[in-house]
C-alpha atoms as a PDB file:
ATOM      1  CA  MET A   1       0.000   0.000   0.000  1.00  0.00           C
ATOM      2  CA  ALA A   2       2.822   2.401   0.885  1.00  0.00           C
ATOM      3  CA  THR A   3       4.551   1.639  -2.418  1.00  0.00           C
ATOM      4  CA  LYS A   4       1.360   2.321  -4.335  1.00  0.00           C
ATOM      5  CA  THR A   5       0.855   5.577  -2.458  1.00  0.00           C
ATOM      6  CA  ALA A   6       4.411   6.698  -3.266  1.00  0.00           C
ATOM      7  CA  ALA A   7       3.903   5.823  -6.944  1.00  0.00           C
ATOM      8  CA  ASP A   8       0.620   7.735  -7.028  1.00  0.00           C
ATOM      9  CA  THR A   9       2.235  10.750  -5.369  1.00  0.00           C
ATOM     10  CA  ARG A  10       5.140  10.660  -7.816  1.00  0.00           C
ATOM     11  CA  ALA A  11       2.745  10.510 -10.773  1.00  0.00           C
ATOM     12  CA  ARG A  12       0.732  13.433  -9.382  1.00  0.00           C
ATOM     13  CA  ILE A  13       3.873  15.527  -8.933  1.00  0.00           C
ATOM     14  CA  LEU A  14       5.045  14.798 -12.481  1.00  0.00           C
ATOM     15  CA  GLU A  15       1.638  15.653 -13.952  1.00  0.00           C
ATOM     16  CA  ALA A  16       1.606  18.938 -12.042  1.00  0.00           C
ATOM     17  CA  ALA A  17       5.180  19.749 -13.059  1.00  0.00           C
ATOM     18  CA  ALA A  18       4.458  18.954 -16.708  1.00  0.00           C
ATOM     19  CA  ALA A  19       1.437  21.270 -16.684  1.00  0.00           C
ATOM     20  CA  LEU A  20       3.497  24.057 -15.091  1.00  0.00           C
ATOM     21  CA  LEU A  21       6.273  23.556 -17.650  1.00  0.00           C
ATOM     22  CA  VAL A  22       3.861  23.941 -20.567  1.00  0.00           C
ATOM     23  CA  ALA A  23       2.135  26.946 -18.983  1.00  0.00           C
ATOM     24  CA  GLU A  24       5.119  28.835 -17.575  1.00  0.00           C
ATOM     25  CA  GLY A  25       8.292  27.280 -18.956  1.00  0.00           C
ATOM     26  CA  ARG A  26      11.164  26.046 -16.860  1.00  0.00           C
ATOM     27  CA  ASP A  27      10.994  29.113 -14.609  1.00  0.00           C
ATOM     28  CA  GLY A  28       7.681  27.797 -13.339  1.00  0.00           C
ATOM     29  CA  LEU A  29       9.257  24.609 -12.010  1.00  0.00           C
ATOM     30  CA  SER A  30      10.242  25.802  -8.568  1.00  0.00           C
ATOM     31  CA  THR A  31       9.910  23.132  -5.914  1.00  0.00           C
ATOM     32  CA  ARG A  32       7.452  25.355  -4.061  1.00  0.00           C
ATOM     33  CA  ALA A  33       5.231  25.820  -7.131  1.00  0.00           C
ATOM     34  CA  VAL A  34       5.325  22.146  -8.105  1.00  0.00           C
ATOM     35  CA  SER A  35       4.558  21.022  -4.532  1.00  0.00           C
ATOM     36  CA  ALA A  36       1.624  23.404  -4.312  1.00  0.00           C
ATOM     37  CA  ALA A  37       0.228  22.361  -7.696  1.00  0.00           C
ATOM     38  CA  ALA A  38       0.512  18.674  -6.771  1.00  0.00           C
ATOM     39  CA  GLY A  39      -0.991  19.185  -3.317  1.00  0.00           C
ATOM     40  CA  VAL A  40       2.014  17.788  -1.462  1.00  0.00           C
ATOM     41  CA  GLN A  41       4.561  19.147   0.992  1.00  0.00           C
ATOM     42  CA  PRO A  42       8.078  19.951  -0.350  1.00  0.00           C
ATOM     43  CA  PRO A  43       9.694  17.158   1.738  1.00  0.00           C
ATOM     44  CA  ALA A  44       7.645  14.609  -0.245  1.00  0.00           C
ATOM     45  CA  LEU A  45       9.097  15.972  -3.465  1.00  0.00           C
ATOM     46  CA  TYR A  46      12.666  15.708  -2.203  1.00  0.00           C
ATOM     47  CA  ARG A  47      12.007  12.239  -0.825  1.00  0.00           C
ATOM     48  CA  LEU A  48      10.869  11.013  -4.240  1.00  0.00           C
ATOM     49  CA  PHE A  49      13.268  12.916  -6.549  1.00  0.00           C
ATOM     50  CA  GLY A  50      16.280  13.688  -4.365  1.00  0.00           C
ATOM     51  CA  ASP A  51      16.806  17.288  -5.453  1.00  0.00           C
ATOM     52  CA  LYS A  52      15.759  19.876  -8.033  1.00  0.00           C
ATOM     53  CA  ASP A  53      17.924  18.302 -10.729  1.00  0.00           C
ATOM     54  CA  GLY A  54      16.333  14.937 -10.043  1.00  0.00           C
ATOM     55  CA  LEU A  55      12.898  16.481 -10.487  1.00  0.00           C
ATOM     56  CA  LEU A  56      13.907  18.167 -13.758  1.00  0.00           C
ATOM     57  CA  ASP A  57      15.317  14.896 -15.108  1.00  0.00           C
ATOM     58  CA  ALA A  58      12.090  13.113 -14.185  1.00  0.00           C
ATOM     59  CA  VAL A  59       9.946  15.787 -15.849  1.00  0.00           C
ATOM     60  CA  ALA A  60      12.056  15.585 -19.012  1.00  0.00           C
ATOM     61  CA  ALA A  61      11.701  11.795 -19.035  1.00  0.00           C
ATOM     62  CA  TYR A  62       7.958  12.151 -18.442  1.00  0.00           C
ATOM     63  CA  GLY A  63       7.615  14.483 -21.409  1.00  0.00           C
ATOM     64  CA  PHE A  64       9.886  12.357 -23.563  1.00  0.00           C
ATOM     65  CA  ASP A  65       8.004   9.139 -22.873  1.00  0.00           C
ATOM     66  CA  GLU A  66       5.765   9.719 -25.885  1.00  0.00           C
ATOM     67  CA  TYR A  67       8.809  10.329 -28.089  1.00  0.00           C
ATOM     68  CA  LEU A  68      10.669   7.272 -26.825  1.00  0.00           C
ATOM     69  CA  THR A  69       7.560   5.115 -27.240  1.00  0.00           C
ATOM     70  CA  SER A  70       7.178   6.321 -30.832  1.00  0.00           C
ATOM     71  CA  LYS A  71      10.868   5.750 -31.491  1.00  0.00           C
ATOM     72  CA  ARG A  72      10.727   2.223 -30.084  1.00  0.00           C
ATOM     73  CA  ALA A  73       7.687   1.505 -32.254  1.00  0.00           C
ATOM     74  CA  LEU A  74       9.223   2.985 -35.394  1.00  0.00           C
ATOM     75  CA  GLY A  75      10.509  -0.425 -36.411  1.00  0.00           C
ATOM     76  CA  SER A  76      12.776  -1.064 -39.354  1.00  0.00           C
ATOM     77  CA  THR A  77      12.248  -0.746 -43.080  1.00  0.00           C
ATOM     78  CA  GLY A  78      15.143  -3.112 -43.728  1.00  0.00           C
ATOM     79  CA  ASP A  79      17.187  -0.161 -44.983  1.00  0.00           C
ATOM     80  CA  ALA A  80      19.336   1.269 -42.194  1.00  0.00           C
ATOM     81  CA  VAL A  81      19.879   4.575 -44.023  1.00  0.00           C
ATOM     82  CA  GLU A  82      16.145   5.055 -44.503  1.00  0.00           C
ATOM     83  CA  ASP A  83      15.624   4.217 -40.832  1.00  0.00           C
ATOM     84  CA  LEU A  84      18.162   6.917 -39.954  1.00  0.00           C
ATOM     85  CA  ARG A  85      16.140   9.429 -41.993  1.00  0.00           C
ATOM     86  CA  ARG A  86      12.905   8.362 -40.306  1.00  0.00           C
ATOM     87  CA  GLY A  87      14.507   8.655 -36.871  1.00  0.00           C
ATOM     88  CA  TRP A  88      15.732  12.166 -37.708  1.00  0.00           C
ATOM     89  CA  ASP A  89      12.272  13.263 -38.867  1.00  0.00           C
ATOM     90  CA  LEU A  90      10.633  11.842 -35.744  1.00  0.00           C
ATOM     91  CA  HIS A  91      13.128  13.702 -33.546  1.00  0.00           C
ATOM     92  CA  ILE A  92      12.463  17.021 -35.290  1.00  0.00           C
ATOM     93  CA  GLU A  93       8.704  16.522 -35.202  1.00  0.00           C
ATOM     94  CA  PHE A  94       8.705  15.781 -31.494  1.00  0.00           C
ATOM     95  CA  GLY A  95      10.915  18.757 -30.649  1.00  0.00           C
ATOM     96  CA  LEU A  96       8.625  21.160 -32.483  1.00  0.00           C
ATOM     97  CA  SER A  97       5.428  19.646 -31.086  1.00  0.00           C
ATOM     98  CA  ARG A  98       6.630  19.663 -27.454  1.00  0.00           C
ATOM     99  CA  PRO A  99       9.172  22.479 -27.305  1.00  0.00           C
ATOM    100  CA  GLU A 100       9.017  22.989 -23.534  1.00  0.00           C
ATOM    101  CA  PHE A 101      10.098  19.420 -22.863  1.00  0.00           C
ATOM    102  CA  TYR A 102      12.681  19.501 -25.634  1.00  0.00           C
ATOM    103  CA  VAL A 103      14.345  22.640 -24.295  1.00  0.00           C
ATOM    104  CA  LEU A 104      14.316  21.188 -20.775  1.00  0.00           C
ATOM    105  CA  MET A 105      16.052  18.077 -22.054  1.00  0.00           C
ATOM    106  CA  TYR A 106      18.531  19.538 -24.521  1.00  0.00           C
ATOM    107  CA  GLY A 107      18.657  23.278 -23.991  1.00  0.00           C
ATOM    108  CA  ASP A 108      20.471  23.224 -20.652  1.00  0.00           C
ATOM    109  CA  ALA A 109      23.513  21.033 -21.211  1.00  0.00           C
ATOM    110  CA  ARG A 110      25.409  20.183 -18.050  1.00  0.00           C
ATOM    111  CA  PRO A 111      28.833  18.585 -18.526  1.00  0.00           C
ATOM    112  CA  GLY A 112      28.962  15.069 -17.159  1.00  0.00           C
ATOM    113  CA  ARG A 113      25.206  14.906 -16.525  1.00  0.00           C
ATOM    114  CA  THR A 114      22.839  13.227 -18.981  1.00  0.00           C
ATOM    115  CA  SER A 115      19.307  12.195 -18.109  1.00  0.00           C
ATOM    116  CA  PRO A 116      18.250   8.547 -18.472  1.00  0.00           C
ATOM    117  CA  ALA A 117      15.747   9.548 -21.176  1.00  0.00           C
ATOM    118  CA  ALA A 118      18.477  11.287 -23.174  1.00  0.00           C
ATOM    119  CA  ARG A 119      20.764   8.268 -22.802  1.00  0.00           C
ATOM    120  CA  GLU A 120      18.061   5.959 -24.116  1.00  0.00           C
ATOM    121  CA  ALA A 121      17.406   8.220 -27.114  1.00  0.00           C
ATOM    122  CA  GLU A 122      21.133   8.383 -27.872  1.00  0.00           C
ATOM    123  CA  ALA A 123      21.447   4.596 -27.573  1.00  0.00           C
ATOM    124  CA  MET A 124      18.631   4.157 -30.100  1.00  0.00           C
ATOM    125  CA  LEU A 125      20.391   6.507 -32.511  1.00  0.00           C
ATOM    126  CA  ARG A 126      23.676   4.710 -32.087  1.00  0.00           C
ATOM    127  CA  GLY A 127      21.968   1.383 -32.746  1.00  0.00           C
ATOM    128  CA  ILE A 128      20.729   2.610 -36.121  1.00  0.00           C
ATOM    129  CA  VAL A 129      24.136   4.062 -36.999  1.00  0.00           C
ATOM    130  CA  GLU A 130      25.780   0.742 -36.103  1.00  0.00           C
ATOM    131  CA  ARG A 131      23.450  -0.975 -38.556  1.00  0.00           C
ATOM    132  CA  VAL A 132      24.462   1.524 -41.234  1.00  0.00           C
ATOM    133  CA  ALA A 133      28.121   0.745 -40.474  1.00  0.00           C
ATOM    134  CA  ALA A 134      27.524  -3.009 -40.593  1.00  0.00           C
ATOM    135  CA  ALA A 135      26.037  -2.535 -44.070  1.00  0.00           C
ATOM    136  CA  GLY A 136      29.278  -0.843 -45.157  1.00  0.00           C
ATOM    137  CA  ARG A 137      27.597   2.519 -45.715  1.00  0.00           C
ATOM    138  CA  LEU A 138      29.540   4.756 -43.277  1.00  0.00           C
ATOM    139  CA  ARG A 139      32.577   6.800 -44.287  1.00  0.00           C
ATOM    140  CA  VAL A 140      33.323   7.939 -40.710  1.00  0.00           C
ATOM    141  CA  SER A 141      33.331   6.057 -37.396  1.00  0.00           C
ATOM    142  CA  VAL A 142      30.067   5.119 -35.680  1.00  0.00           C
ATOM    143  CA  GLU A 143      30.919   7.444 -32.797  1.00  0.00           C
ATOM    144  CA  ARG A 144      31.545  10.441 -35.043  1.00  0.00           C
ATOM    145  CA  ALA A 145      28.495   9.762 -37.211  1.00  0.00           C
ATOM    146  CA  ALA A 146      26.165   9.427 -34.211  1.00  0.00           C
ATOM    147  CA  ARG A 147      27.501  12.597 -32.628  1.00  0.00           C
ATOM    148  CA  LEU A 148      27.189  14.538 -35.876  1.00  0.00           C
ATOM    149  CA  VAL A 149      23.610  13.403 -36.456  1.00  0.00           C
ATOM    150  CA  HIS A 150      22.668  14.119 -32.834  1.00  0.00           C
ATOM    151  CA  ALA A 151      24.355  17.527 -32.645  1.00  0.00           C
ATOM    152  CA  THR A 152      22.982  18.724 -35.980  1.00  0.00           C
ATOM    153  CA  GLY A 153      19.461  17.494 -35.295  1.00  0.00           C
ATOM    154  CA  MET A 154      19.466  19.103 -31.862  1.00  0.00           C
ATOM    155  CA  GLY A 155      20.725  22.376 -33.339  1.00  0.00           C
ATOM    156  CA  VAL A 156      17.995  22.342 -35.976  1.00  0.00           C
ATOM    157  CA  VAL A 157      15.254  21.829 -33.394  1.00  0.00           C
ATOM    158  CA  LEU A 158      16.536  24.488 -30.994  1.00  0.00           C
ATOM    159  CA  SER A 159      16.996  26.932 -33.873  1.00  0.00           C
ATOM    160  CA  LEU A 160      13.459  26.352 -35.153  1.00  0.00           C
ATOM    161  CA  ILE A 161      11.981  26.611 -31.661  1.00  0.00           C
ATOM    162  CA  ALA A 162      13.693  29.996 -31.260  1.00  0.00           C
ATOM    163  CA  THR A 163      12.283  31.201 -34.604  1.00  0.00           C
ATOM    164  CA  PRO A 164       8.707  32.525 -34.807  1.00  0.00           C
ATOM    165  CA  GLU A 165       6.617  29.846 -36.487  1.00  0.00           C
ATOM    166  CA  GLN A 166       5.669  32.044 -39.434  1.00  0.00           C
ATOM    167  CA  GLU A 167       9.340  32.763 -40.135  1.00  0.00           C
ATOM    168  CA  ARG A 168      10.624  29.186 -40.047  1.00  0.00           C
ATOM    169  CA  ASP A 169      12.388  27.731 -43.051  1.00  0.00           C
ATOM    170  CA  GLU A 170      10.334  24.657 -43.912  1.00  0.00           C
ATOM    171  CA  GLU A 171      13.251  23.097 -45.786  1.00  0.00           C
ATOM    172  CA  LEU A 172      15.833  23.590 -43.027  1.00  0.00           C
ATOM    173  CA  SER A 173      15.422  20.161 -41.439  1.00  0.00           C
ATOM    174  CA  THR A 174      15.516  18.257 -44.737  1.00  0.00           C
ATOM    175  CA  THR A 175      18.503  20.234 -45.991  1.00  0.00           C
ATOM    176  CA  ALA A 176      20.423  19.703 -42.747  1.00  0.00           C
ATOM    177  CA  ARG A 177      19.562  16.006 -42.703  1.00  0.00           C
ATOM    178  CA  GLU A 178      20.750  15.371 -46.244  1.00  0.00           C
ATOM    179  CA  THR A 179      23.897  17.451 -45.704  1.00  0.00           C
ATOM    180  CA  VAL A 180      24.813  15.306 -42.709  1.00  0.00           C
ATOM    181  CA  LEU A 181      24.067  12.089 -44.595  1.00  0.00           C
ATOM    182  CA  THR A 182      26.237  13.239 -47.477  1.00  0.00           C
ATOM    183  CA  ARG A 183      29.095  13.727 -45.036  1.00  0.00           C
ATOM    184  CA  ILE A 184      28.796  10.408 -43.234  1.00  0.00           C
ATOM    185  CA  LEU A 185      27.568   7.964 -45.894  1.00  0.00           C
ATOM    186  CA  THR A 186      29.230   6.237 -48.802  1.00  0.00           C
ATOM    187  CA  GLY A 187      27.615   6.398 -52.211  1.00  0.00           C
ATOM    188  CA  THR A 188      26.723  10.093 -51.901  1.00  0.00           C
ATOM    189  CA  GLU A 189      27.955  13.080 -53.870  1.00  0.00           C
ATOM    190  CA  GLU A 190      31.033  13.547 -51.710  1.00  0.00           C
ATOM    191  CA  GLN A 191      33.870  11.378 -52.997  1.00  0.00           C
ATOM    192  CA  PRO A 192      34.748   8.555 -50.562  1.00  0.00           C
ATOM    193  CA  GLY A 193      38.452   8.510 -51.477  1.00  0.00           C
ATOM    194  CA  SER A 194      40.256   5.171 -51.423  1.00  0.00           C
ATOM    195  CA  GLY A 195      37.471   3.274 -49.684  1.00  0.00           C
ATOM    196  CA  LEU A 196      39.826   2.262 -46.851  1.00  0.00           C
ATOM    197  CA  PRO A 197      37.918   4.237 -44.167  1.00  0.00           C
ATOM    198  CA  GLU A 198      34.653   2.584 -45.186  1.00  0.00           C
ATOM    199  CA  ARG A 199      36.190  -0.885 -44.948  1.00  0.00           C
ATOM    200  CA  ALA A 200      37.692  -0.032 -41.564  1.00  0.00           C
ATOM    201  CA  ILE A 201      34.316   1.163 -40.282  1.00  0.00           C
ATOM    202  CA  ALA A 202      32.508  -1.959 -41.480  1.00  0.00           C
ATOM    203  CA  LEU A 203      35.182  -4.144 -39.853  1.00  0.00           C
ATOM    204  CA  ARG A 204      34.956  -2.149 -36.618  1.00  0.00           C
ATOM    205  CA  ALA A 205      31.182  -2.668 -36.525  1.00  0.00           C
ATOM    206  CA  GLY A 206      31.661  -6.440 -36.378  1.00  0.00           C
ATOM    207  CA  LEU A 207      34.724  -6.484 -34.169  1.00  0.00           C
ATOM    208  CA  ASP A 208      32.891  -7.382 -30.958  1.00  0.00           C
ATOM    209  CA  GLY A 209      32.074 -10.759 -32.441  1.00  0.00           C
ATOM    210  CA  ALA A 210      35.701 -11.564 -33.294  1.00  0.00           C
ATOM    211  CA  ALA A 211      36.108 -14.472 -30.879  1.00  0.00           C
ATOM    212  CA  ALA A 212      39.566 -15.297 -32.283  1.00  0.00           C
ATOM    213  CA  LEU A 213      40.942 -12.151 -30.610  1.00  0.00           C
ATOM    214  CA  THR A 214      41.399 -11.545 -26.906  1.00  0.00           C
ATOM    215  CA  GLN A 215      39.650  -8.600 -25.276  1.00  0.00           C
ATOM    216  CA  ALA A 216      42.916  -6.646 -25.203  1.00  0.00           C
ATOM    217  CA  GLU A 217      43.498  -7.369 -28.895  1.00  0.00           C
ATOM    218  CA  ARG A 218      39.982  -6.235 -29.769  1.00  0.00           C
ATOM    219  CA  VAL A 219      40.499  -2.979 -27.877  1.00  0.00           C
ATOM    220  CA  LEU A 220      43.764  -2.326 -29.715  1.00  0.00           C
ATOM    221  CA  MET A 221      42.270  -3.266 -33.081  1.00  0.00           C
ATOM    222  CA  ALA A 222      39.281  -0.988 -32.423  1.00  0.00           C
ATOM    223  CA  GLU A 223      41.638   1.924 -31.744  1.00  0.00           C
ATOM    224  CA  TRP A 224      43.526   1.325 -34.999  1.00  0.00           C
ATOM    225  CA  LEU A 225      40.329   0.977 -37.034  1.00  0.00           C
ATOM    226  CA  ASN A 226      38.856   4.152 -35.539  1.00  0.00           C
ATOM    227  CA  ARG A 227      42.015   6.068 -36.443  1.00  0.00           C
ATOM    228  CA  ILE A 228      41.780   4.817 -40.042  1.00  0.00           C
ATOM    229  CA  ALA A 229      38.054   5.606 -40.183  1.00  0.00           C
ATOM    230  CA  ASN A 230      38.534   9.182 -38.985  1.00  0.00           C
ATOM    231  CA  ALA A 231      41.709   9.919 -40.965  1.00  0.00           C
END
């Protein structure tokens, strides 16, 4: 019964905080305001979330649940590159449809601190990029490709959120997406050079399954392949 009561209280606090975020922005998420809106005493909030940062992380995760659910359900077309495009479009669409939650999650970067919801989203992106690499379609390392896609997509969303809706460039997201894909993929307009980086990337993607190598050898091989991929 006590566990159920705590879960109910936590849900009520998150619902109240989400409503305040939409109505007043992040400035409205003071512990006093959230406690009052949820009908609880501040100690209950700290007991459940630890501190203000814990509450903000939980609110971001609460708002992102719809996005993560949609991303999990996106499935695969069988074409990893097309799946990367679809994931990009879903990310942009969510950010513009729920800007308050997006800014809370991505607009206040804190070095060394990433929310669980953000980590899950990044892991999903990396999974798609790893599939692209395994298909031999990447010209840069998985790490660099994932970071470039993530950073560019985030920049596009934050830029569009900051722009009055009537002044937004409707082609900005598509142009940015295809520019990034041109940079990271083989078989695009940008010349891939000798093809050695692409082969290194594809080999790196399957390295974890190389049972003939020891763990230390795999680590060393991964370092060499990453250096070739990013040369």
